[in-house]
Each structure stands twice: as structure tokens, then as C-alpha cells.
PDB file of N, CA and C in Angstrom:
ATOM      1  N   UNK A   1      -1.232 -89.201  -3.823  1.00  0.00           N
ATOM      2  CA  UNK A   1      -0.569 -89.033  -5.107  1.00  0.00           C
ATOM      3  C   UNK A   1       0.924 -89.280  -4.930  1.00  0.00           C
ATOM      4  N   UNK A   2       1.499 -90.044  -5.805  1.00  0.00           N
ATOM      5  CA  UNK A   2       2.908 -90.380  -5.730  1.00  0.00           C
ATOM      6  C   UNK A   2       3.747 -89.229  -6.296  1.00  0.00           C
ATOM      7  N   UNK A   3       4.836 -88.889  -5.581  1.00  0.00           N
ATOM      8  CA  UNK A   3       5.714 -87.814  -6.033  1.00  0.00           C
ATOM      9  C   UNK A   3       6.490 -88.274  -7.270  1.00  0.00           C
ATOM     10  N   UNK A   4       6.845 -87.312  -8.096  1.00  0.00           N
ATOM     11  CA  UNK A   4       7.608 -87.621  -9.304  1.00  0.00           C
ATOM     12  C   UNK A   4       9.008 -88.100  -8.912  1.00  0.00           C
ATOM     13  N   UNK A   5       9.422 -89.233  -9.450  1.00  0.00           N
ATOM     14  CA  UNK A   5      10.734 -89.806  -9.145  1.00  0.00           C
ATOM     15  C   UNK A   5      11.683 -89.532 -10.310  1.00  0.00           C
ATOM     16  N   UNK A   6      12.859 -89.053  -9.976  1.00  0.00           N
ATOM     17  CA  UNK A   6      13.902 -88.815 -10.971  1.00  0.00           C
ATOM     18  C   UNK A   6      15.181 -89.500 -10.509  1.00  0.00           C
ATOM     19  N   UNK A   7      16.096 -89.685 -11.436  1.00  0.00           N
ATOM     20  CA  UNK A   7      17.356 -90.345 -11.120  1.00  0.00           C
ATOM     21  C   UNK A   7      18.469 -89.316 -10.992  1.00  0.00           C
ATOM     22  N   UNK A   8      19.370 -89.573 -10.054  1.00  0.00           N
ATOM     23  CA  UNK A   8      20.558 -88.746  -9.884  1.00  0.00           C
ATOM     24  C   UNK A   8      21.452 -88.944 -11.108  1.00  0.00           C
ATOM     25  N   UNK A   9      21.969 -87.856 -11.649  1.00  0.00           N
ATOM     26  CA  UNK A   9      22.800 -87.913 -12.851  1.00  0.00           C
ATOM     27  C   UNK A   9      24.136 -88.602 -12.577  1.00  0.00           C
ATOM     28  N   UNK A  10      24.601 -88.537 -11.332  1.00  0.00           N
ATOM     29  CA  UNK A  10      25.906 -89.099 -10.991  1.00  0.00           C
ATOM     30  C   UNK A  10      25.824 -90.542 -10.512  1.00  0.00           C
ATOM     31  N   UNK A  11      25.055 -90.779  -9.453  1.00  0.00           N
ATOM     32  CA  UNK A  11      25.036 -92.129  -8.874  1.00  0.00           C
ATOM     33  C   UNK A  11      23.898 -92.991  -9.411  1.00  0.00           C
ATOM     34  N   UNK A  12      22.890 -92.392 -10.033  1.00  0.00           N
ATOM     35  CA  UNK A  12      21.801 -93.156 -10.624  1.00  0.00           C
ATOM     36  C   UNK A  12      20.701 -93.540  -9.661  1.00  0.00           C
ATOM     37  N   UNK A  13      20.794 -93.079  -8.417  1.00  0.00           N
ATOM     38  CA  UNK A  13      19.768 -93.396  -7.432  1.00  0.00           C
ATOM     39  C   UNK A  13      18.445 -92.737  -7.772  1.00  0.00           C
ATOM     40  N   UNK A  14      17.339 -93.324  -7.322  1.00  0.00           N
ATOM     41  CA  UNK A  14      16.007 -92.798  -7.592  1.00  0.00           C
ATOM     42  C   UNK A  14      15.545 -91.976  -6.391  1.00  0.00           C
ATOM     43  N   UNK A  15      15.166 -90.721  -6.632  1.00  0.00           N
ATOM     44  CA  UNK A  15      14.779 -89.802  -5.568  1.00  0.00           C
ATOM     45  C   UNK A  15      13.537 -89.027  -5.985  1.00  0.00           C
ATOM     46  N   UNK A  16      12.841 -88.472  -5.001  1.00  0.00           N
ATOM     47  CA  UNK A  16      11.723 -87.571  -5.286  1.00  0.00           C
ATOM     48  C   UNK A  16      12.288 -86.275  -5.859  1.00  0.00           C
ATOM     49  N   UNK A  17      11.532 -85.616  -6.688  1.00  0.00           N
ATOM     50  CA  UNK A  17      11.987 -84.391  -7.354  1.00  0.00           C
ATOM     51  C   UNK A  17      12.417 -83.330  -6.343  1.00  0.00           C
ATOM     52  N   UNK A  18      11.746 -83.250  -5.199  1.00  0.00           N
ATOM     53  CA  UNK A  18      12.039 -82.225  -4.200  1.00  0.00           C
ATOM     54  C   UNK A  18      13.406 -82.436  -3.547  1.00  0.00           C
ATOM     55  N   UNK A  19      13.908 -83.671  -3.551  1.00  0.00           N
ATOM     56  CA  UNK A  19      15.189 -83.975  -2.913  1.00  0.00           C
ATOM     57  C   UNK A  19      16.380 -83.663  -3.813  1.00  0.00           C
ATOM     58  N   UNK A  20      16.159 -83.564  -5.100  1.00  0.00           N
ATOM     59  CA  UNK A  20      17.258 -83.391  -6.051  1.00  0.00           C
ATOM     60  C   UNK A  20      17.521 -81.917  -6.344  1.00  0.00           C
ATOM     61  N   UNK A  21      18.782 -81.615  -6.669  1.00  0.00           N
ATOM     62  CA  UNK A  21      19.163 -80.269  -7.066  1.00  0.00           C
ATOM     63  C   UNK A  21      19.503 -80.278  -8.549  1.00  0.00           C
ATOM     64  N   UNK A  22      19.015 -79.266  -9.247  1.00  0.00           N
ATOM     65  CA  UNK A  22      19.283 -79.136 -10.678  1.00  0.00           C
ATOM     66  C   UNK A  22      20.611 -78.423 -10.858  1.00  0.00           C
ATOM     67  N   UNK A  23      21.485 -79.007 -11.650  1.00  0.00           N
ATOM     68  CA  UNK A  23      22.763 -78.385 -12.011  1.00  0.00           C
ATOM     69  C   UNK A  23      22.900 -78.478 -13.524  1.00  0.00           C
ATOM     70  N   UNK A  24      22.884 -77.342 -14.218  1.00  0.00           N
ATOM     71  CA  UNK A  24      23.006 -77.391 -15.671  1.00  0.00           C
ATOM     72  C   UNK A  24      24.353 -77.977 -16.086  1.00  0.00           C
ATOM     73  N   UNK A  25      24.315 -78.815 -17.101  1.00  0.00           N
ATOM     74  CA  UNK A  25      25.518 -79.470 -17.599  1.00  0.00           C
ATOM     75  C   UNK A  25      25.648 -79.152 -19.075  1.00  0.00           C
ATOM     76  N   UNK A  26      26.747 -78.534 -19.474  1.00  0.00           N
ATOM     77  CA  UNK A  26      26.944 -78.160 -20.866  1.00  0.00           C
ATOM     78  C   UNK A  26      26.477 -76.742 -21.129  1.00  0.00           C
ATOM     79  N   UNK A  27      26.580 -76.344 -22.380  1.00  0.00           N
ATOM     80  CA  UNK A  27      26.203 -74.979 -22.750  1.00  0.00           C
ATOM     81  C   UNK A  27      25.305 -74.989 -23.975  1.00  0.00           C
ATOM     82  N   UNK A  28      24.428 -74.011 -24.032  1.00  0.00           N
ATOM     83  CA  UNK A  28      23.594 -73.799 -25.204  1.00  0.00           C
ATOM     84  C   UNK A  28      22.747 -74.992 -25.574  1.00  0.00           C
ATOM     85  N   UNK A  29      22.798 -75.367 -26.834  1.00  0.00           N
ATOM     86  CA  UNK A  29      21.986 -76.469 -27.336  1.00  0.00           C
ATOM     87  C   UNK A  29      22.435 -77.810 -26.772  1.00  0.00           C
ATOM     88  N   UNK A  30      23.642 -77.866 -26.224  1.00  0.00           N
ATOM     89  CA  UNK A  30      24.175 -79.123 -25.699  1.00  0.00           C
ATOM     90  C   UNK A  30      23.887 -79.306 -24.211  1.00  0.00           C
ATOM     91  N   UNK A  31      23.129 -78.396 -23.621  1.00  0.00           N
ATOM     92  CA  UNK A  31      22.843 -78.453 -22.189  1.00  0.00           C
ATOM     93  C   UNK A  31      21.995 -79.671 -21.865  1.00  0.00           C
ATOM     94  N   UNK A  32      22.385 -80.388 -20.823  1.00  0.00           N
ATOM     95  CA  UNK A  32      21.652 -81.573 -20.387  1.00  0.00           C
ATOM     96  C   UNK A  32      20.884 -81.255 -19.116  1.00  0.00           C
ATOM     97  N   UNK A  33      19.793 -81.941 -18.912  1.00  0.00           N
ATOM     98  CA  UNK A  33      19.030 -81.821 -17.676  1.00  0.00           C
ATOM     99  C   UNK A  33      19.676 -82.769 -16.682  1.00  0.00           C
ATOM    100  N   UNK A  34      20.374 -82.215 -15.707  1.00  0.00           N
ATOM    101  CA  UNK A  34      21.109 -83.031 -14.745  1.00  0.00           C
ATOM    102  C   UNK A  34      20.633 -82.702 -13.341  1.00  0.00           C
ATOM    103  N   UNK A  35      20.066 -83.687 -12.676  1.00  0.00           N
ATOM    104  CA  UNK A  35      19.643 -83.545 -11.290  1.00  0.00           C
ATOM    105  C   UNK A  35      20.572 -84.379 -10.421  1.00  0.00           C
ATOM    106  N   UNK A  36      21.028 -83.800  -9.307  1.00  0.00           N
ATOM    107  CA  UNK A  36      21.944 -84.482  -8.404  1.00  0.00           C
ATOM    108  C   UNK A  36      21.319 -84.633  -7.026  1.00  0.00           C
ATOM    109  N   UNK A  37      21.594 -85.788  -6.385  1.00  0.00           N
ATOM    110  CA  UNK A  37      21.163 -85.989  -5.002  1.00  0.00           C
ATOM    111  C   UNK A  37      22.050 -85.112  -4.111  1.00  0.00           C
ATOM    112  N   UNK A  38      21.673 -84.882  -2.855  1.00  0.00           N
ATOM    113  CA  UNK A  38      22.462 -83.984  -1.989  1.00  0.00           C
ATOM    114  C   UNK A  38      23.932 -84.400  -1.849  1.00  0.00           C
ATOM    115  N   UNK A  39      24.202 -85.681  -1.755  1.00  0.00           N
ATOM    116  CA  UNK A  39      25.585 -86.144  -1.588  1.00  0.00           C
ATOM    117  C   UNK A  39      26.396 -85.861  -2.853  1.00  0.00           C
ATOM    118  N   UNK A  40      25.855 -86.231  -3.998  1.00  0.00           N
ATOM    119  CA  UNK A  40      26.566 -86.004  -5.264  1.00  0.00           C
ATOM    120  C   UNK A  40      26.680 -84.512  -5.570  1.00  0.00           C
ATOM    121  N   UNK A  41      25.693 -83.721  -5.162  1.00  0.00           N
ATOM    122  CA  UNK A  41      25.735 -82.285  -5.385  1.00  0.00           C
ATOM    123  C   UNK A  41      26.907 -81.668  -4.621  1.00  0.00           C
ATOM    124  N   UNK A  42      27.132 -82.115  -3.386  1.00  0.00           N
ATOM    125  CA  UNK A  42      28.269 -81.624  -2.606  1.00  0.00           C
ATOM    126  C   UNK A  42      29.587 -82.024  -3.267  1.00  0.00           C
ATOM    127  N   UNK A  43      29.653 -83.242  -3.794  1.00  0.00           N
ATOM    128  CA  UNK A  43      30.863 -83.688  -4.491  1.00  0.00           C
ATOM    129  C   UNK A  43      31.131 -82.811  -5.712  1.00  0.00           C
ATOM    130  N   UNK A  44      30.067 -82.491  -6.464  1.00  0.00           N
ATOM    131  CA  UNK A  44      30.223 -81.649  -7.654  1.00  0.00           C
ATOM    132  C   UNK A  44      30.684 -80.247  -7.266  1.00  0.00           C
ATOM    133  N   UNK A  45      30.152 -79.718  -6.166  1.00  0.00           N
ATOM    134  CA  UNK A  45      30.586 -78.398  -5.704  1.00  0.00           C
ATOM    135  C   UNK A  45      32.068 -78.411  -5.362  1.00  0.00           C
ATOM    136  N   UNK A  46      32.519 -79.475  -4.691  1.00  0.00           N
ATOM    137  CA  UNK A  46      33.937 -79.580  -4.337  1.00  0.00           C
ATOM    138  C   UNK A  46      34.799 -79.691  -5.584  1.00  0.00           C
ATOM    139  N   UNK A  47      34.339 -80.446  -6.589  1.00  0.00           N
ATOM    140  CA  UNK A  47      35.080 -80.564  -7.850  1.00  0.00           C
ATOM    141  C   UNK A  47      35.198 -79.208  -8.535  1.00  0.00           C
ATOM    142  N   UNK A  48      34.081 -78.463  -8.577  1.00  0.00           N
ATOM    143  CA  UNK A  48      34.093 -77.150  -9.218  1.00  0.00           C
ATOM    144  C   UNK A  48      35.042 -76.200  -8.495  1.00  0.00           C
ATOM    145  N   UNK A  49      35.019 -76.254  -7.163  1.00  0.00           N
ATOM    146  CA  UNK A  49      35.892 -75.395  -6.374  1.00  0.00           C
ATOM    147  C   UNK A  49      37.357 -75.759  -6.612  1.00  0.00           C
ATOM    148  N   UNK A  50      37.661 -77.043  -6.694  1.00  0.00           N
ATOM    149  CA  UNK A  50      39.029 -77.490  -6.948  1.00  0.00           C
ATOM    150  C   UNK A  50      39.496 -77.058  -8.334  1.00  0.00           C
ATOM    151  N   UNK A  51      38.623 -77.171  -9.333  1.00  0.00           N
ATOM    152  CA  UNK A  51      38.977 -76.741 -10.691  1.00  0.00           C
ATOM    153  C   UNK A  51      39.276 -75.249 -10.729  1.00  0.00           C
ATOM    154  N   UNK A  52      38.474 -74.444 -10.013  1.00  0.00           N
ATOM    155  CA  UNK A  52      38.693 -73.000  -9.979  1.00  0.00           C
ATOM    156  C   UNK A  52      40.021 -72.674  -9.302  1.00  0.00           C
ATOM    157  N   UNK A  53      40.338 -73.383  -8.231  1.00  0.00           N
ATOM    158  CA  UNK A  53      41.600 -73.162  -7.532  1.00  0.00           C
ATOM    159  C   UNK A  53      42.779 -73.542  -8.417  1.00  0.00           C
ATOM    160  N   UNK A  54      42.682 -74.667  -9.109  1.00  0.00           N
ATOM    161  CA  UNK A  54      43.757 -75.087 -10.008  1.00  0.00           C
ATOM    162  C   UNK A  54      43.975 -74.054 -11.108  1.00  0.00           C
ATOM    163  N   UNK A  55      42.899 -73.503 -11.633  1.00  0.00           N
ATOM    164  CA  UNK A  55      42.995 -72.497 -12.685  1.00  0.00           C
ATOM    165  C   UNK A  55      43.720 -71.257 -12.159  1.00  0.00           C
ATOM    166  N   UNK A  56      43.359 -70.799 -10.946  1.00  0.00           N
ATOM    167  CA  UNK A  56      43.985 -69.602 -10.392  1.00  0.00           C
ATOM    168  C   UNK A  56      45.471 -69.827 -10.117  1.00  0.00           C
ATOM    169  N   UNK A  57      45.823 -71.001  -9.616  1.00  0.00           N
ATOM    170  CA  UNK A  57      47.229 -71.301  -9.352  1.00  0.00           C
ATOM    171  C   UNK A  57      48.000 -71.347 -10.660  1.00  0.00           C
ATOM    172  N   UNK A  58      47.431 -71.985 -11.667  1.00  0.00           N
ATOM    173  CA  UNK A  58      48.097 -72.085 -12.963  1.00  0.00           C
ATOM    174  C   UNK A  58      48.312 -70.708 -13.578  1.00  0.00           C
ATOM    175  N   UNK A  59      47.318 -69.831 -13.444  1.00  0.00           N
ATOM    176  CA  UNK A  59      47.436 -68.495 -14.024  1.00  0.00           C
ATOM    177  C   UNK A  59      48.428 -67.629 -13.252  1.00  0.00           C
ATOM    178  N   UNK A  60      48.650 -67.916 -11.970  1.00  0.00           N
ATOM    179  CA  UNK A  60      49.553 -67.095 -11.170  1.00  0.00           C
ATOM    180  C   UNK A  60      51.019 -67.446 -11.423  1.00  0.00           C
ATOM    181  N   UNK A  61      51.306 -68.629 -11.955  1.00  0.00           N
ATOM    182  CA  UNK A  61      52.684 -69.030 -12.217  1.00  0.00           C
ATOM    183  C   UNK A  61      53.167 -68.450 -13.545  1.00  0.00           C
ATOM    184  N   UNK A  62      54.420 -68.021 -13.596  1.00  0.00           N
ATOM    185  CA  UNK A  62      54.941 -67.529 -14.875  1.00  0.00           C
ATOM    186  C   UNK A  62      55.117 -68.686 -15.853  1.00  0.00           C
ATOM    187  N   UNK A  63      55.046 -68.365 -17.137  1.00  0.00           N
ATOM    188  CA  UNK A  63      55.190 -69.410 -18.147  1.00  0.00           C
ATOM    189  C   UNK A  63      56.634 -69.893 -18.246  1.00  0.00           C
ATOM    190  N   UNK A  64      57.589 -69.018 -17.927  1.00  0.00           N
ATOM    191  CA  UNK A  64      59.010 -69.378 -17.905  1.00  0.00           C
ATOM    192  C   UNK A  64      59.593 -68.913 -16.573  1.00  0.00           C
ATOM    193  N   UNK A  65      60.700 -69.473 -16.158  1.00  0.00           N
ATOM    194  CA  UNK A  65      61.373 -68.957 -14.963  1.00  0.00           C
ATOM    195  C   UNK A  65      61.773 -67.500 -15.166  1.00  0.00           C
ATOM    196  N   UNK A  66      61.843 -66.735 -14.105  1.00  0.00           N
ATOM    197  CA  UNK A  66      62.099 -65.295 -14.196  1.00  0.00           C
ATOM    198  C   UNK A  66      63.436 -64.987 -14.850  1.00  0.00           C
ATOM    199  N   UNK A  67      64.478 -65.771 -14.574  1.00  0.00           N
ATOM    200  CA  UNK A  67      65.782 -65.467 -15.160  1.00  0.00           C
ATOM    201  C   UNK A  67      65.806 -65.721 -16.663  1.00  0.00           C
ATOM    202  N   UNK A  68      64.945 -66.572 -17.192  1.00  0.00           N
ATOM    203  CA  UNK A  68      64.891 -66.810 -18.634  1.00  0.00           C
ATOM    204  C   UNK A  68      64.262 -65.637 -19.372  1.00  0.00           C
ATOM    205  N   UNK A  69      63.416 -64.896 -18.729  1.00  0.00           N
ATOM    206  CA  UNK A  69      62.760 -63.780 -19.397  1.00  0.00           C
ATOM    207  C   UNK A  69      63.748 -62.654 -19.685  1.00  0.00           C
ATOM    208  N   UNK A  70      64.819 -62.577 -18.896  1.00  0.00           N
ATOM    209  CA  UNK A  70      65.792 -61.509 -19.090  1.00  0.00           C
ATOM    210  C   UNK A  70      66.856 -61.864 -20.132  1.00  0.00           C
ATOM    211  N   UNK A  71      67.060 -63.156 -20.386  1.00  0.00           N
ATOM    212  CA  UNK A  71      68.107 -63.591 -21.303  1.00  0.00           C
ATOM    213  C   UNK A  71      67.499 -64.421 -22.432  1.00  0.00           C
ATOM    214  N   UNK A  72      67.061 -63.821 -23.522  1.00  0.00           N
ATOM    215  CA  UNK A  72      66.450 -64.590 -24.612  1.00  0.00           C
ATOM    216  C   UNK A  72      67.376 -65.641 -25.214  1.00  0.00           C
ATOM    217  N   UNK A  73      68.699 -65.457 -25.134  1.00  0.00           N
ATOM    218  CA  UNK A  73      69.625 -66.440 -25.690  1.00  0.00           C
ATOM    219  C   UNK A  73      69.532 -67.763 -24.933  1.00  0.00           C
ATOM    220  N   UNK A  74      69.103 -67.734 -23.691  1.00  0.00           N
ATOM    221  CA  UNK A  74      68.992 -68.952 -22.883  1.00  0.00           C
ATOM    222  C   UNK A  74      67.812 -69.811 -23.330  1.00  0.00           C
ATOM    223  N   UNK A  75      66.877 -69.231 -24.063  1.00  0.00           N
ATOM    224  CA  UNK A  75      65.699 -69.994 -24.500  1.00  0.00           C
ATOM    225  C   UNK A  75      66.096 -71.112 -25.455  1.00  0.00           C
ATOM    226  N   UNK A  76      67.148 -70.904 -26.234  1.00  0.00           N
ATOM    227  CA  UNK A  76      67.537 -71.859 -27.261  1.00  0.00           C
ATOM    228  C   UNK A  76      68.393 -73.004 -26.733  1.00  0.00           C
ATOM    229  N   UNK A  77      68.736 -72.963 -25.477  1.00  0.00           N
ATOM    230  CA  UNK A  77      69.607 -74.012 -24.921  1.00  0.00           C
ATOM    231  C   UNK A  77      68.859 -75.289 -24.703  1.00  0.00           C
TER     232      UNK A  77
END
């Protein structure tokens, strides 16, 4: 019996179902069935990790320089 073949969502390669990893894409009714090959799955994990790191760095920085927060008149310059 031939194994079910599916395509990688990223590279489009054809793989057996057992070789692919399912990664949900989207939310709710817009969720897509996305299967990734091992190589593309690792790339997606690295992308997700990078996005999380960028978010944490962005949130850790103040919105204005510290000296501007003490002098509201400087905001209008």
C-alpha cells in the first residue's frame, strides 16, 4: 500500500505523511492545514524564535529617552 503523500507548505516538496510536521497557520476559521518538511520546520521554528526575541527587545526599550520623560517641555522641540 502506498503511503499518503502531502506537500510541504513552504518548499512544495512531496513527502510521506509520517515525515511532515503539522504547524497550524492562522487563527479560528482562517486556520490553514500546513504541513512542513523537517528542514522547513526548523526554519519556521527559528523564525518564530527570532520574532519572539524581537518583541521582547522592543518591549524592553523605553518609548522615549529617559531625560525626555522628566521634561515635558522638551517634547515639543
